[in-house]
Amino acid sequence: MTFIHLTTTTAVLALGLLAAGSPGEAQVRDAAAGNAAAEAASRQALQTFITQWNTAEDAHLRRAMHFPFVTVPGGGALVVDDRPQDFSAGFDQMREREGWRSSSFDFDEFEVVKSSPDKVHAEVGFSRYGADGAAYRTSRVFYIVTRRDGRWAIQLRTPAAEPADMGSDERTEIVAAARRAVLDFFTAFNAGDVDGTIATVNHPHLFMTPDGGFAVARSPDDGPRPDFDRMRADEDWHMSTIDALEASIVTRNKVHFELTFTRWHPDGTRYMTVPALWIVTRAGDDWGIQVRSLMRPTFDAR
């Protein structure tokens, strides 16, 4: 992957070439059809997930998940269950602590954030109910749903509700701090500074490819690490630009950024544009990038 802080000159260049290099109408229609099918499949996967959740049996629930499975609670934490037997939802604890009896998804509150034929980023409302049938908690959750070996299932989850008492000034301050980690990563990457890029990352760190491929760096000495020489040799890469960087979910210890970046050749032509999700978390007083999930390129001239 490659990234850079967007300068005025490269921003103008990127906008011009994005307009000139749009895919053909047939490509757009095919992509839209593929994404619509994926979105319908992801919704069904979520329905299967909540149905199995309400059996209160881990063995049943695991059938609606892909492994490794990731939970991002925030605060610099990342829980990775590598195998089905590693995962437990803690149903007994929920009953004891909360009086939980069942849960539901509100599919009227289902929102696709980004989609491709093999992966969907989505949010949905949920409720938890006690023995009396009354909802005692209502919130939102973000999921990454992937297709692997022809089967759609849940692969990542994280809370998606913004605090009700967060004012606009506090939100702006949080987004600015999290955004700085992203910009610092891009700047270090384009300077060819491997250690500088790793310094902007929180560990464990998750990287997901467009087809659901999975890599977890458990520590700064673990992979994946950028290989600038290979990128220059294999792709004739010169630099990258941020085309879009928008905060979509903001909590006090976690920010989701909807990001689009473009890769460029030395002669000033772009050869790839990729939409992505980056989740930036706060560990103590420091913000770092904890999850990077790429979607299929919207432009690819390699």
C-alpha atoms as a PDB file:
ATOM      1  CA  MET A   1       0.000   0.000   0.000  1.00  0.00           C
ATOM      2  CA  THR A   2       1.107   3.557  -0.600  1.00  0.00           C
ATOM      3  CA  PHE A   3       0.046   6.872   0.796  1.00  0.00           C
ATOM      4  CA  ILE A   4       0.920  10.577   0.888  1.00  0.00           C
ATOM      5  CA  HIS A   5      -0.302  13.796   2.434  1.00  0.00           C
ATOM      6  CA  LEU A   6      -2.200  15.562  -0.355  1.00  0.00           C
ATOM      7  CA  THR A   7      -0.604  18.773  -1.621  1.00  0.00           C
ATOM      8  CA  THR A   8      -2.443  21.382  -3.680  1.00  0.00           C
ATOM      9  CA  THR A   9      -0.587  20.455  -6.876  1.00  0.00           C
ATOM     10  CA  THR A  10      -1.229  16.738  -6.604  1.00  0.00           C
ATOM     11  CA  ALA A  11      -4.840  17.342  -5.599  1.00  0.00           C
ATOM     12  CA  VAL A  12      -5.506  19.263  -8.817  1.00  0.00           C
ATOM     13  CA  LEU A  13      -3.690  16.608 -10.848  1.00  0.00           C
ATOM     14  CA  ALA A  14      -5.629  13.806  -9.175  1.00  0.00           C
ATOM     15  CA  LEU A  15      -8.991  15.451  -9.777  1.00  0.00           C
ATOM     16  CA  GLY A  16      -8.229  16.010 -13.450  1.00  0.00           C
ATOM     17  CA  LEU A  17      -7.093  12.449 -14.079  1.00  0.00           C
ATOM     18  CA  LEU A  18      -9.932  10.960 -12.083  1.00  0.00           C
ATOM     19  CA  ALA A  19     -12.343  12.666 -14.425  1.00  0.00           C
ATOM     20  CA  ALA A  20     -10.399  11.572 -17.520  1.00  0.00           C
ATOM     21  CA  GLY A  21      -9.835   7.978 -16.448  1.00  0.00           C
ATOM     22  CA  SER A  22     -13.301   6.876 -15.305  1.00  0.00           C
ATOM     23  CA  PRO A  23     -14.218   3.264 -16.154  1.00  0.00           C
ATOM     24  CA  GLY A  24     -16.646   2.638 -19.006  1.00  0.00           C
ATOM     25  CA  GLU A  25     -20.400   2.504 -18.529  1.00  0.00           C
ATOM     26  CA  ALA A  26     -20.463  -1.288 -18.883  1.00  0.00           C
ATOM     27  CA  GLN A  27     -17.875  -1.634 -16.124  1.00  0.00           C
ATOM     28  CA  VAL A  28     -19.872   0.659 -13.871  1.00  0.00           C
ATOM     29  CA  ARG A  29     -23.101  -1.300 -14.489  1.00  0.00           C
ATOM     30  CA  ASP A  30     -21.358  -4.652 -13.884  1.00  0.00           C
ATOM     31  CA  ALA A  31     -19.781  -3.368 -10.668  1.00  0.00           C
ATOM     32  CA  ALA A  32     -23.103  -1.990  -9.435  1.00  0.00           C
ATOM     33  CA  ALA A  33     -24.845  -5.309 -10.119  1.00  0.00           C
ATOM     34  CA  GLY A  34     -22.087  -7.234  -8.347  1.00  0.00           C
ATOM     35  CA  ASN A  35     -22.197  -4.914  -5.382  1.00  0.00           C
ATOM     36  CA  ALA A  36     -26.002  -5.087  -5.125  1.00  0.00           C
ATOM     37  CA  ALA A  37     -25.814  -8.882  -4.959  1.00  0.00           C
ATOM     38  CA  ALA A  38     -23.078  -8.648  -2.318  1.00  0.00           C
ATOM     39  CA  GLU A  39     -25.123  -6.206  -0.241  1.00  0.00           C
ATOM     40  CA  ALA A  40     -28.135  -8.532  -0.315  1.00  0.00           C
ATOM     41  CA  ALA A  41     -25.913 -11.475   0.634  1.00  0.00           C
ATOM     42  CA  SER A  42     -24.333  -9.520   3.504  1.00  0.00           C
ATOM     43  CA  ARG A  43     -27.751  -8.643   4.873  1.00  0.00           C
ATOM     44  CA  GLN A  44     -28.705 -12.318   4.797  1.00  0.00           C
ATOM     45  CA  ALA A  45     -25.413 -13.195   6.529  1.00  0.00           C
ATOM     46  CA  LEU A  46     -26.278 -10.735   9.298  1.00  0.00           C
ATOM     47  CA  GLN A  47     -29.741 -12.296   9.609  1.00  0.00           C
ATOM     48  CA  THR A  48     -28.120 -15.703   9.965  1.00  0.00           C
ATOM     49  CA  PHE A  49     -25.705 -14.293  12.534  1.00  0.00           C
ATOM     50  CA  ILE A  50     -28.422 -12.837  14.777  1.00  0.00           C
ATOM     51  CA  THR A  51     -30.519 -15.999  14.450  1.00  0.00           C
ATOM     52  CA  GLN A  52     -27.599 -18.121  15.603  1.00  0.00           C
ATOM     53  CA  TRP A  53     -26.767 -15.562  18.304  1.00  0.00           C
ATOM     54  CA  ASN A  54     -30.184 -16.102  19.829  1.00  0.00           C
ATOM     55  CA  THR A  55     -29.558 -19.831  20.182  1.00  0.00           C
ATOM     56  CA  ALA A  56     -27.042 -18.750  22.869  1.00  0.00           C
ATOM     57  CA  GLU A  57     -24.725 -21.523  21.668  1.00  0.00           C
ATOM     58  CA  ASP A  58     -21.193 -20.621  20.573  1.00  0.00           C
ATOM     59  CA  ALA A  59     -21.022 -23.698  18.338  1.00  0.00           C
ATOM     60  CA  HIS A  60     -24.045 -22.465  16.364  1.00  0.00           C
ATOM     61  CA  LEU A  61     -22.880 -18.852  16.195  1.00  0.00           C
ATOM     62  CA  ARG A  62     -19.442 -19.787  14.866  1.00  0.00           C
ATOM     63  CA  ARG A  63     -21.114 -21.175  11.730  1.00  0.00           C
ATOM     64  CA  ALA A  64     -22.160 -17.603  10.838  1.00  0.00           C
ATOM     65  CA  MET A  65     -18.595 -16.261  11.177  1.00  0.00           C
ATOM     66  CA  HIS A  66     -15.343 -16.390   9.240  1.00  0.00           C
ATOM     67  CA  PHE A  67     -12.099 -17.024  11.054  1.00  0.00           C
ATOM     68  CA  PRO A  68      -9.825 -15.370  11.921  1.00  0.00           C
ATOM     69  CA  PHE A  69     -12.556 -13.210  13.476  1.00  0.00           C
ATOM     70  CA  VAL A  70     -11.825  -9.716  14.800  1.00  0.00           C
ATOM     71  CA  THR A  71     -13.466  -7.551  17.452  1.00  0.00           C
ATOM     72  CA  VAL A  72     -12.348  -3.909  17.754  1.00  0.00           C
ATOM     73  CA  PRO A  73     -13.473  -2.572  21.148  1.00  0.00           C
ATOM     74  CA  GLY A  74     -11.344   0.594  20.831  1.00  0.00           C
ATOM     75  CA  GLY A  75      -8.760   1.941  23.203  1.00  0.00           C
ATOM     76  CA  GLY A  76      -5.928   0.336  21.224  1.00  0.00           C
ATOM     77  CA  ALA A  77      -7.367  -3.151  21.720  1.00  0.00           C
ATOM     78  CA  LEU A  78      -7.874  -5.695  18.951  1.00  0.00           C
ATOM     79  CA  VAL A  79      -9.229  -9.164  19.732  1.00  0.00           C
ATOM     80  CA  VAL A  80      -8.342 -11.779  17.111  1.00  0.00           C
ATOM     81  CA  ASP A  81      -9.895 -15.247  17.373  1.00  0.00           C
ATOM     82  CA  ASP A  82      -7.838 -17.317  14.959  1.00  0.00           C
ATOM     83  CA  ARG A  83      -9.925 -20.494  15.133  1.00  0.00           C
ATOM     84  CA  PRO A  84     -13.622 -21.175  15.790  1.00  0.00           C
ATOM     85  CA  GLN A  85     -12.812 -22.811  19.127  1.00  0.00           C
ATOM     86  CA  ASP A  86     -11.066 -19.603  20.244  1.00  0.00           C
ATOM     87  CA  PHE A  87     -14.273 -17.536  20.085  1.00  0.00           C
ATOM     88  CA  SER A  88     -16.871 -17.260  22.831  1.00  0.00           C
ATOM     89  CA  ALA A  89     -19.693 -14.715  22.940  1.00  0.00           C
ATOM     90  CA  GLY A  90     -20.004 -14.966  26.730  1.00  0.00           C
ATOM     91  CA  PHE A  91     -23.718 -15.748  26.841  1.00  0.00           C
ATOM     92  CA  ASP A  92     -23.635 -16.932  30.469  1.00  0.00           C
ATOM     93  CA  GLN A  93     -21.924 -13.709  31.558  1.00  0.00           C
ATOM     94  CA  MET A  94     -24.491 -11.588  29.678  1.00  0.00           C
ATOM     95  CA  ARG A  95     -27.309 -13.402  31.438  1.00  0.00           C
ATOM     96  CA  GLU A  96     -25.707 -12.920  34.838  1.00  0.00           C
ATOM     97  CA  ARG A  97     -24.607  -9.291  34.417  1.00  0.00           C
ATOM     98  CA  GLU A  98     -27.434  -7.916  32.275  1.00  0.00           C
ATOM     99  CA  GLY A  99     -30.327 -10.349  32.497  1.00  0.00           C
ATOM    100  CA  TRP A 100     -29.987 -10.872  28.724  1.00  0.00           C
ATOM    101  CA  ARG A 101     -32.378 -13.232  26.975  1.00  0.00           C
ATOM    102  CA  SER A 102     -32.288 -12.283  23.279  1.00  0.00           C
ATOM    103  CA  SER A 103     -31.119  -9.706  20.723  1.00  0.00           C
ATOM    104  CA  SER A 104     -32.351  -8.340  17.416  1.00  0.00           C
ATOM    105  CA  PHE A 105     -31.079  -6.349  14.453  1.00  0.00           C
ATOM    106  CA  ASP A 106     -33.142  -3.433  13.189  1.00  0.00           C
ATOM    107  CA  PHE A 107     -32.818  -3.843   9.441  1.00  0.00           C
ATOM    108  CA  ASP A 108     -34.672  -0.548   8.951  1.00  0.00           C
ATOM    109  CA  GLU A 109     -31.400   0.857  10.355  1.00  0.00           C
ATOM    110  CA  PHE A 110     -29.207  -1.240   8.024  1.00  0.00           C
ATOM    111  CA  GLU A 111     -26.735   0.935   6.097  1.00  0.00           C
ATOM    112  CA  VAL A 112     -24.112  -0.205   3.607  1.00  0.00           C
ATOM    113  CA  VAL A 113     -21.028   1.989   3.944  1.00  0.00           C
ATOM    114  CA  LYS A 114     -19.014   0.397   1.113  1.00  0.00           C
ATOM    115  CA  SER A 115     -19.392  -2.772  -0.924  1.00  0.00           C
ATOM    116  CA  SER A 116     -17.622  -4.896  -3.491  1.00  0.00           C
ATOM    117  CA  PRO A 117     -18.384  -8.382  -4.862  1.00  0.00           C
ATOM    118  CA  ASP A 118     -16.433 -10.076  -2.047  1.00  0.00           C
ATOM    119  CA  LYS A 119     -16.699  -7.713   0.927  1.00  0.00           C
ATOM    120  CA  VAL A 120     -19.258  -5.370   2.486  1.00  0.00           C
ATOM    121  CA  HIS A 121     -18.798  -2.717   5.184  1.00  0.00           C
ATOM    122  CA  ALA A 122     -22.136  -2.138   6.909  1.00  0.00           C
ATOM    123  CA  GLU A 123     -23.805  -0.702  10.021  1.00  0.00           C
ATOM    124  CA  VAL A 124     -26.979  -1.932  11.655  1.00  0.00           C
ATOM    125  CA  GLY A 125     -28.993  -1.062  14.734  1.00  0.00           C
ATOM    126  CA  PHE A 126     -29.382  -3.682  17.460  1.00  0.00           C
ATOM    127  CA  SER A 127     -31.291  -4.195  20.681  1.00  0.00           C
ATOM    128  CA  ARG A 128     -30.841  -6.465  23.684  1.00  0.00           C
ATOM    129  CA  TYR A 129     -33.872  -7.771  25.588  1.00  0.00           C
ATOM    130  CA  GLY A 130     -34.340  -9.037  29.133  1.00  0.00           C
ATOM    131  CA  ALA A 131     -36.553 -11.846  30.406  1.00  0.00           C
ATOM    132  CA  ASP A 132     -39.570  -9.502  30.406  1.00  0.00           C
ATOM    133  CA  GLY A 133     -39.170  -8.863  26.673  1.00  0.00           C
ATOM    134  CA  ALA A 134     -38.269  -5.188  27.143  1.00  0.00           C
ATOM    135  CA  ALA A 135     -35.254  -3.731  25.357  1.00  0.00           C
ATOM    136  CA  TYR A 136     -32.645  -2.620  27.871  1.00  0.00           C
ATOM    137  CA  ARG A 137     -29.978  -1.560  25.369  1.00  0.00           C
ATOM    138  CA  THR A 138     -30.247  -0.136  21.857  1.00  0.00           C
ATOM    139  CA  SER A 139     -27.223   0.894  19.835  1.00  0.00           C
ATOM    140  CA  ARG A 140     -25.422   0.425  16.523  1.00  0.00           C
ATOM    141  CA  VAL A 141     -22.658  -1.900  15.408  1.00  0.00           C
ATOM    142  CA  PHE A 142     -20.342  -1.951  12.373  1.00  0.00           C
ATOM    143  CA  TYR A 143     -19.573  -5.223  10.568  1.00  0.00           C
ATOM    144  CA  ILE A 144     -17.278  -6.360   7.812  1.00  0.00           C
ATOM    145  CA  VAL A 145     -18.943  -9.232   5.967  1.00  0.00           C
ATOM    146  CA  THR A 146     -16.839 -11.269   3.515  1.00  0.00           C
ATOM    147  CA  ARG A 147     -17.316 -14.028   0.960  1.00  0.00           C
ATOM    148  CA  ARG A 148     -14.838 -16.872   1.256  1.00  0.00           C
ATOM    149  CA  ASP A 149     -15.138 -20.191  -0.585  1.00  0.00           C
ATOM    150  CA  GLY A 150     -18.530 -19.048  -1.841  1.00  0.00           C
ATOM    151  CA  ARG A 151     -19.926 -18.408   1.655  1.00  0.00           C
ATOM    152  CA  TRP A 152     -20.829 -15.008   3.143  1.00  0.00           C
ATOM    153  CA  ALA A 153     -20.195 -14.567   6.878  1.00  0.00           C
ATOM    154  CA  ILE A 154     -19.183 -11.998   9.496  1.00  0.00           C
ATOM    155  CA  GLN A 155     -15.449 -11.333   9.901  1.00  0.00           C
ATOM    156  CA  LEU A 156     -15.172  -8.131  11.950  1.00  0.00           C
ATOM    157  CA  ARG A 157     -17.367  -6.249  14.396  1.00  0.00           C
ATOM    158  CA  THR A 158     -17.000  -3.006  16.338  1.00  0.00           C
ATOM    159  CA  PRO A 159     -19.340  -0.569  18.133  1.00  0.00           C
ATOM    160  CA  ALA A 160     -20.675   2.156  15.850  1.00  0.00           C
ATOM    161  CA  ALA A 161     -22.676   4.477  18.104  1.00  0.00           C
ATOM    162  CA  GLU A 162     -21.321   7.964  18.737  1.00  0.00           C
ATOM    163  CA  PRO A 163     -21.668   9.180  22.368  1.00  0.00           C
ATOM    164  CA  ALA A 164     -24.859  11.170  22.862  1.00  0.00           C
ATOM    165  CA  ASP A 165     -23.066  13.675  25.095  1.00  0.00           C
ATOM    166  CA  MET A 166     -20.260  14.413  22.629  1.00  0.00           C
ATOM    167  CA  GLY A 167     -20.350  18.064  21.601  1.00  0.00           C
ATOM    168  CA  SER A 168     -19.243  19.386  18.217  1.00  0.00           C
ATOM    169  CA  ASP A 169     -16.020  20.893  19.600  1.00  0.00           C
ATOM    170  CA  GLU A 170     -14.992  17.647  21.250  1.00  0.00           C
ATOM    171  CA  ARG A 171     -15.813  15.677  18.082  1.00  0.00           C
ATOM    172  CA  THR A 172     -13.748  18.050  15.971  1.00  0.00           C
ATOM    173  CA  GLU A 173     -10.797  17.701  18.336  1.00  0.00           C
ATOM    174  CA  ILE A 174     -10.978  13.891  18.309  1.00  0.00           C
ATOM    175  CA  VAL A 175     -11.217  13.708  14.511  1.00  0.00           C
ATOM    176  CA  ALA A 176      -8.248  16.060  14.115  1.00  0.00           C
ATOM    177  CA  ALA A 177      -6.080  13.937  16.416  1.00  0.00           C
ATOM    178  CA  ALA A 178      -7.030  10.708  14.638  1.00  0.00           C
ATOM    179  CA  ARG A 179      -6.572  12.306  11.206  1.00  0.00           C
ATOM    180  CA  ARG A 180      -3.038  13.326  12.160  1.00  0.00           C
ATOM    181  CA  ALA A 181      -2.096   9.652  12.549  1.00  0.00           C
ATOM    182  CA  VAL A 182      -3.358   8.960   9.012  1.00  0.00           C
ATOM    183  CA  LEU A 183      -1.511  11.927   7.508  1.00  0.00           C
ATOM    184  CA  ASP A 184       1.687  11.034   9.362  1.00  0.00           C
ATOM    185  CA  PHE A 185       1.465   7.503   7.936  1.00  0.00           C
ATOM    186  CA  PHE A 186       1.058   8.820   4.394  1.00  0.00           C
ATOM    187  CA  THR A 187       3.924  11.262   4.778  1.00  0.00           C
ATOM    188  CA  ALA A 188       6.272   8.591   6.137  1.00  0.00           C
ATOM    189  CA  PHE A 189       5.226   6.138   3.433  1.00  0.00           C
ATOM    190  CA  ASN A 190       6.016   8.524   0.614  1.00  0.00           C
ATOM    191  CA  ALA A 191       9.347   9.347   2.218  1.00  0.00           C
ATOM    192  CA  GLY A 192      10.214   5.646   2.089  1.00  0.00           C
ATOM    193  CA  ASP A 193      10.395   5.573   5.882  1.00  0.00           C
ATOM    194  CA  VAL A 194       9.406   2.068   6.999  1.00  0.00           C
ATOM    195  CA  ASP A 195       9.893   2.737  10.704  1.00  0.00           C
ATOM    196  CA  GLY A 196       7.981   6.001  10.401  1.00  0.00           C
ATOM    197  CA  THR A 197       4.943   4.220   8.963  1.00  0.00           C
ATOM    198  CA  ILE A 198       5.028   1.538  11.664  1.00  0.00           C
ATOM    199  CA  ALA A 199       5.240   4.249  14.348  1.00  0.00           C
ATOM    200  CA  THR A 200       1.765   5.478  13.339  1.00  0.00           C
ATOM    201  CA  VAL A 201       0.187   2.031  13.822  1.00  0.00           C
ATOM    202  CA  ASN A 202      -1.433   0.513  16.908  1.00  0.00           C
ATOM    203  CA  HIS A 203      -0.720  -3.166  17.550  1.00  0.00           C
ATOM    204  CA  PRO A 204      -2.160  -5.682  17.081  1.00  0.00           C
ATOM    205  CA  HIS A 205      -2.824  -4.286  13.595  1.00  0.00           C
ATOM    206  CA  LEU A 206      -5.158  -5.733  10.959  1.00  0.00           C
ATOM    207  CA  PHE A 207      -4.839  -5.431   7.190  1.00  0.00           C
ATOM    208  CA  MET A 208      -7.605  -6.812   4.922  1.00  0.00           C
ATOM    209  CA  THR A 209      -7.317  -7.112   1.136  1.00  0.00           C
ATOM    210  CA  PRO A 210     -10.283  -6.498  -1.200  1.00  0.00           C
ATOM    211  CA  ASP A 211     -11.101 -10.217  -1.380  1.00  0.00           C
ATOM    212  CA  GLY A 212     -11.038 -10.668   2.395  1.00  0.00           C
ATOM    213  CA  GLY A 213      -7.382 -11.676   2.677  1.00  0.00           C
ATOM    214  CA  PHE A 214      -6.162 -11.292   6.218  1.00  0.00           C
ATOM    215  CA  ALA A 215      -2.884 -10.260   7.864  1.00  0.00           C
ATOM    216  CA  VAL A 216      -2.379  -9.417  11.536  1.00  0.00           C
ATOM    217  CA  ALA A 217       0.785  -7.741  12.845  1.00  0.00           C
ATOM    218  CA  ARG A 218       0.946  -8.617  16.532  1.00  0.00           C
ATOM    219  CA  SER A 219       3.854  -6.254  17.268  1.00  0.00           C
ATOM    220  CA  PRO A 220       5.961  -3.583  15.493  1.00  0.00           C
ATOM    221  CA  ASP A 221       8.444  -6.299  14.507  1.00  0.00           C
ATOM    222  CA  ASP A 222       5.705  -8.374  12.870  1.00  0.00           C
ATOM    223  CA  GLY A 223       4.520  -7.994   9.261  1.00  0.00           C
ATOM    224  CA  PRO A 224       3.235  -6.707   6.950  1.00  0.00           C
ATOM    225  CA  ARG A 225       5.899  -4.043   6.340  1.00  0.00           C
ATOM    226  CA  PRO A 226       6.163  -1.845   3.234  1.00  0.00           C
ATOM    227  CA  ASP A 227       8.688  -2.810   0.565  1.00  0.00           C
ATOM    228  CA  PHE A 228       9.359   0.377  -1.377  1.00  0.00           C
ATOM    229  CA  ASP A 229      12.004  -1.127  -3.664  1.00  0.00           C
ATOM    230  CA  ARG A 230       9.601  -3.858  -4.768  1.00  0.00           C
ATOM    231  CA  MET A 231       6.810  -1.356  -5.393  1.00  0.00           C
ATOM    232  CA  ARG A 232       9.055   0.814  -7.527  1.00  0.00           C
ATOM    233  CA  ALA A 233      10.317  -2.191  -9.481  1.00  0.00           C
ATOM    234  CA  ASP A 234       6.978  -4.002  -9.909  1.00  0.00           C
ATOM    235  CA  GLU A 235       4.583  -1.068 -10.248  1.00  0.00           C
ATOM    236  CA  ASP A 236       6.818   1.873 -11.189  1.00  0.00           C
ATOM    237  CA  TRP A 237       5.306   3.546  -8.137  1.00  0.00           C
ATOM    238  CA  HIS A 238       6.348   7.102  -7.374  1.00  0.00           C
ATOM    239  CA  MET A 239       3.876   8.525  -4.872  1.00  0.00           C
ATOM    240  CA  SER A 240       0.295   8.336  -3.644  1.00  0.00           C
ATOM    241  CA  THR A 241      -2.374  10.869  -2.811  1.00  0.00           C
ATOM    242  CA  ILE A 242      -5.369  10.970  -0.516  1.00  0.00           C
ATOM    243  CA  ASP A 243      -8.430  11.697  -2.632  1.00  0.00           C
ATOM    244  CA  ALA A 244     -10.946  11.524   0.233  1.00  0.00           C
ATOM    245  CA  LEU A 245     -10.670  11.225   4.008  1.00  0.00           C
ATOM    246  CA  GLU A 246     -13.953  11.456   5.895  1.00  0.00           C
ATOM    247  CA  ALA A 247     -14.724  10.501   9.485  1.00  0.00           C
ATOM    248  CA  SER A 248     -17.839   8.305   9.478  1.00  0.00           C
ATOM    249  CA  ILE A 249     -17.962   7.005  13.074  1.00  0.00           C
ATOM    250  CA  VAL A 250     -16.461   8.955  15.970  1.00  0.00           C
ATOM    251  CA  THR A 251     -16.200   7.817  19.589  1.00  0.00           C
ATOM    252  CA  ARG A 252     -13.840   8.962  22.315  1.00  0.00           C
ATOM    253  CA  ASN A 253     -11.331   6.209  21.586  1.00  0.00           C
ATOM    254  CA  LYS A 254     -12.039   5.184  17.966  1.00  0.00           C
ATOM    255  CA  VAL A 255     -12.583   6.925  14.614  1.00  0.00           C
ATOM    256  CA  HIS A 256     -13.585   5.289  11.334  1.00  0.00           C
ATOM    257  CA  PHE A 257     -12.267   7.027   8.213  1.00  0.00           C
ATOM    258  CA  GLU A 258     -13.696   6.418   4.750  1.00  0.00           C
ATOM    259  CA  LEU A 259     -10.527   6.829   2.713  1.00  0.00           C
ATOM    260  CA  THR A 260      -9.748   6.826  -1.006  1.00  0.00           C
ATOM    261  CA  PHE A 261      -6.158   6.882  -2.234  1.00  0.00           C
ATOM    262  CA  THR A 262      -4.485   6.960  -5.649  1.00  0.00           C
ATOM    263  CA  ARG A 263      -1.117   5.589  -6.743  1.00  0.00           C
ATOM    264  CA  TRP A 264       0.980   7.479  -9.299  1.00  0.00           C
ATOM    265  CA  HIS A 265       3.794   6.786 -11.737  1.00  0.00           C
ATOM    266  CA  PRO A 266       6.821   9.137 -11.929  1.00  0.00           C
ATOM    267  CA  ASP A 267       5.435  10.707 -15.144  1.00  0.00           C
ATOM    268  CA  GLY A 268       2.348  11.963 -13.270  1.00  0.00           C
ATOM    269  CA  THR A 269      -0.142   9.355 -14.467  1.00  0.00           C
ATOM    270  CA  ARG A 270      -2.261   7.459 -12.014  1.00  0.00           C
ATOM    271  CA  TYR A 271      -2.491   3.699 -12.233  1.00  0.00           C
ATOM    272  CA  MET A 272      -4.733   2.738  -9.321  1.00  0.00           C
ATOM    273  CA  THR A 273      -7.443   4.287  -7.138  1.00  0.00           C
ATOM    274  CA  VAL A 274      -8.681   2.348  -4.103  1.00  0.00           C
ATOM    275  CA  PRO A 275     -11.465   3.045  -1.574  1.00  0.00           C
ATOM    276  CA  ALA A 276     -10.796   1.800   1.958  1.00  0.00           C
ATOM    277  CA  LEU A 277     -11.790   1.882   5.589  1.00  0.00           C
ATOM    278  CA  TRP A 278      -9.212   2.821   8.225  1.00  0.00           C
ATOM    279  CA  ILE A 279     -10.035   2.501  11.908  1.00  0.00           C
ATOM    280  CA  VAL A 280      -7.868   4.707  14.114  1.00  0.00           C
ATOM    281  CA  THR A 281      -7.879   4.067  17.864  1.00  0.00           C
ATOM    282  CA  ARG A 282      -6.590   5.875  20.930  1.00  0.00           C
ATOM    283  CA  ALA A 283      -4.293   3.920  23.245  1.00  0.00           C
ATOM    284  CA  GLY A 284      -3.652   6.088  26.282  1.00  0.00           C
ATOM    285  CA  ASP A 285      -2.945   9.533  24.847  1.00  0.00           C
ATOM    286  CA  ASP A 286      -1.739   8.295  21.451  1.00  0.00           C
ATOM    287  CA  TRP A 287      -3.803   7.746  18.305  1.00  0.00           C
ATOM    288  CA  GLY A 288      -2.731   5.015  15.888  1.00  0.00           C
ATOM    289  CA  ILE A 289      -4.086   3.138  12.870  1.00  0.00           C
ATOM    290  CA  GLN A 290      -5.443  -0.251  13.927  1.00  0.00           C
ATOM    291  CA  VAL A 291      -7.449  -1.584  10.977  1.00  0.00           C
ATOM    292  CA  ARG A 292      -7.028  -1.105   7.230  1.00  0.00           C
ATOM    293  CA  SER A 293      -9.655  -2.718   5.005  1.00  0.00           C
ATOM    294  CA  LEU A 294      -9.309  -2.192   1.248  1.00  0.00           C
ATOM    295  CA  MET A 295     -12.097  -2.501  -1.306  1.00  0.00           C
ATOM    296  CA  ARG A 296     -11.628  -3.336  -4.985  1.00  0.00           C
ATOM    297  CA  PRO A 297      -9.961  -0.534  -6.996  1.00  0.00           C
ATOM    298  CA  THR A 298     -12.298   1.805  -8.813  1.00  0.00           C
ATOM    299  CA  PHE A 299      -9.494   2.304 -11.333  1.00  0.00           C
ATOM    300  CA  ASP A 300      -6.692  -0.140 -12.097  1.00  0.00           C
ATOM    301  CA  ALA A 301      -4.322   0.267 -15.061  1.00  0.00           C
ATOM    302  CA  ARG A 302      -1.555  -2.052 -13.908  1.00  0.00           C
END
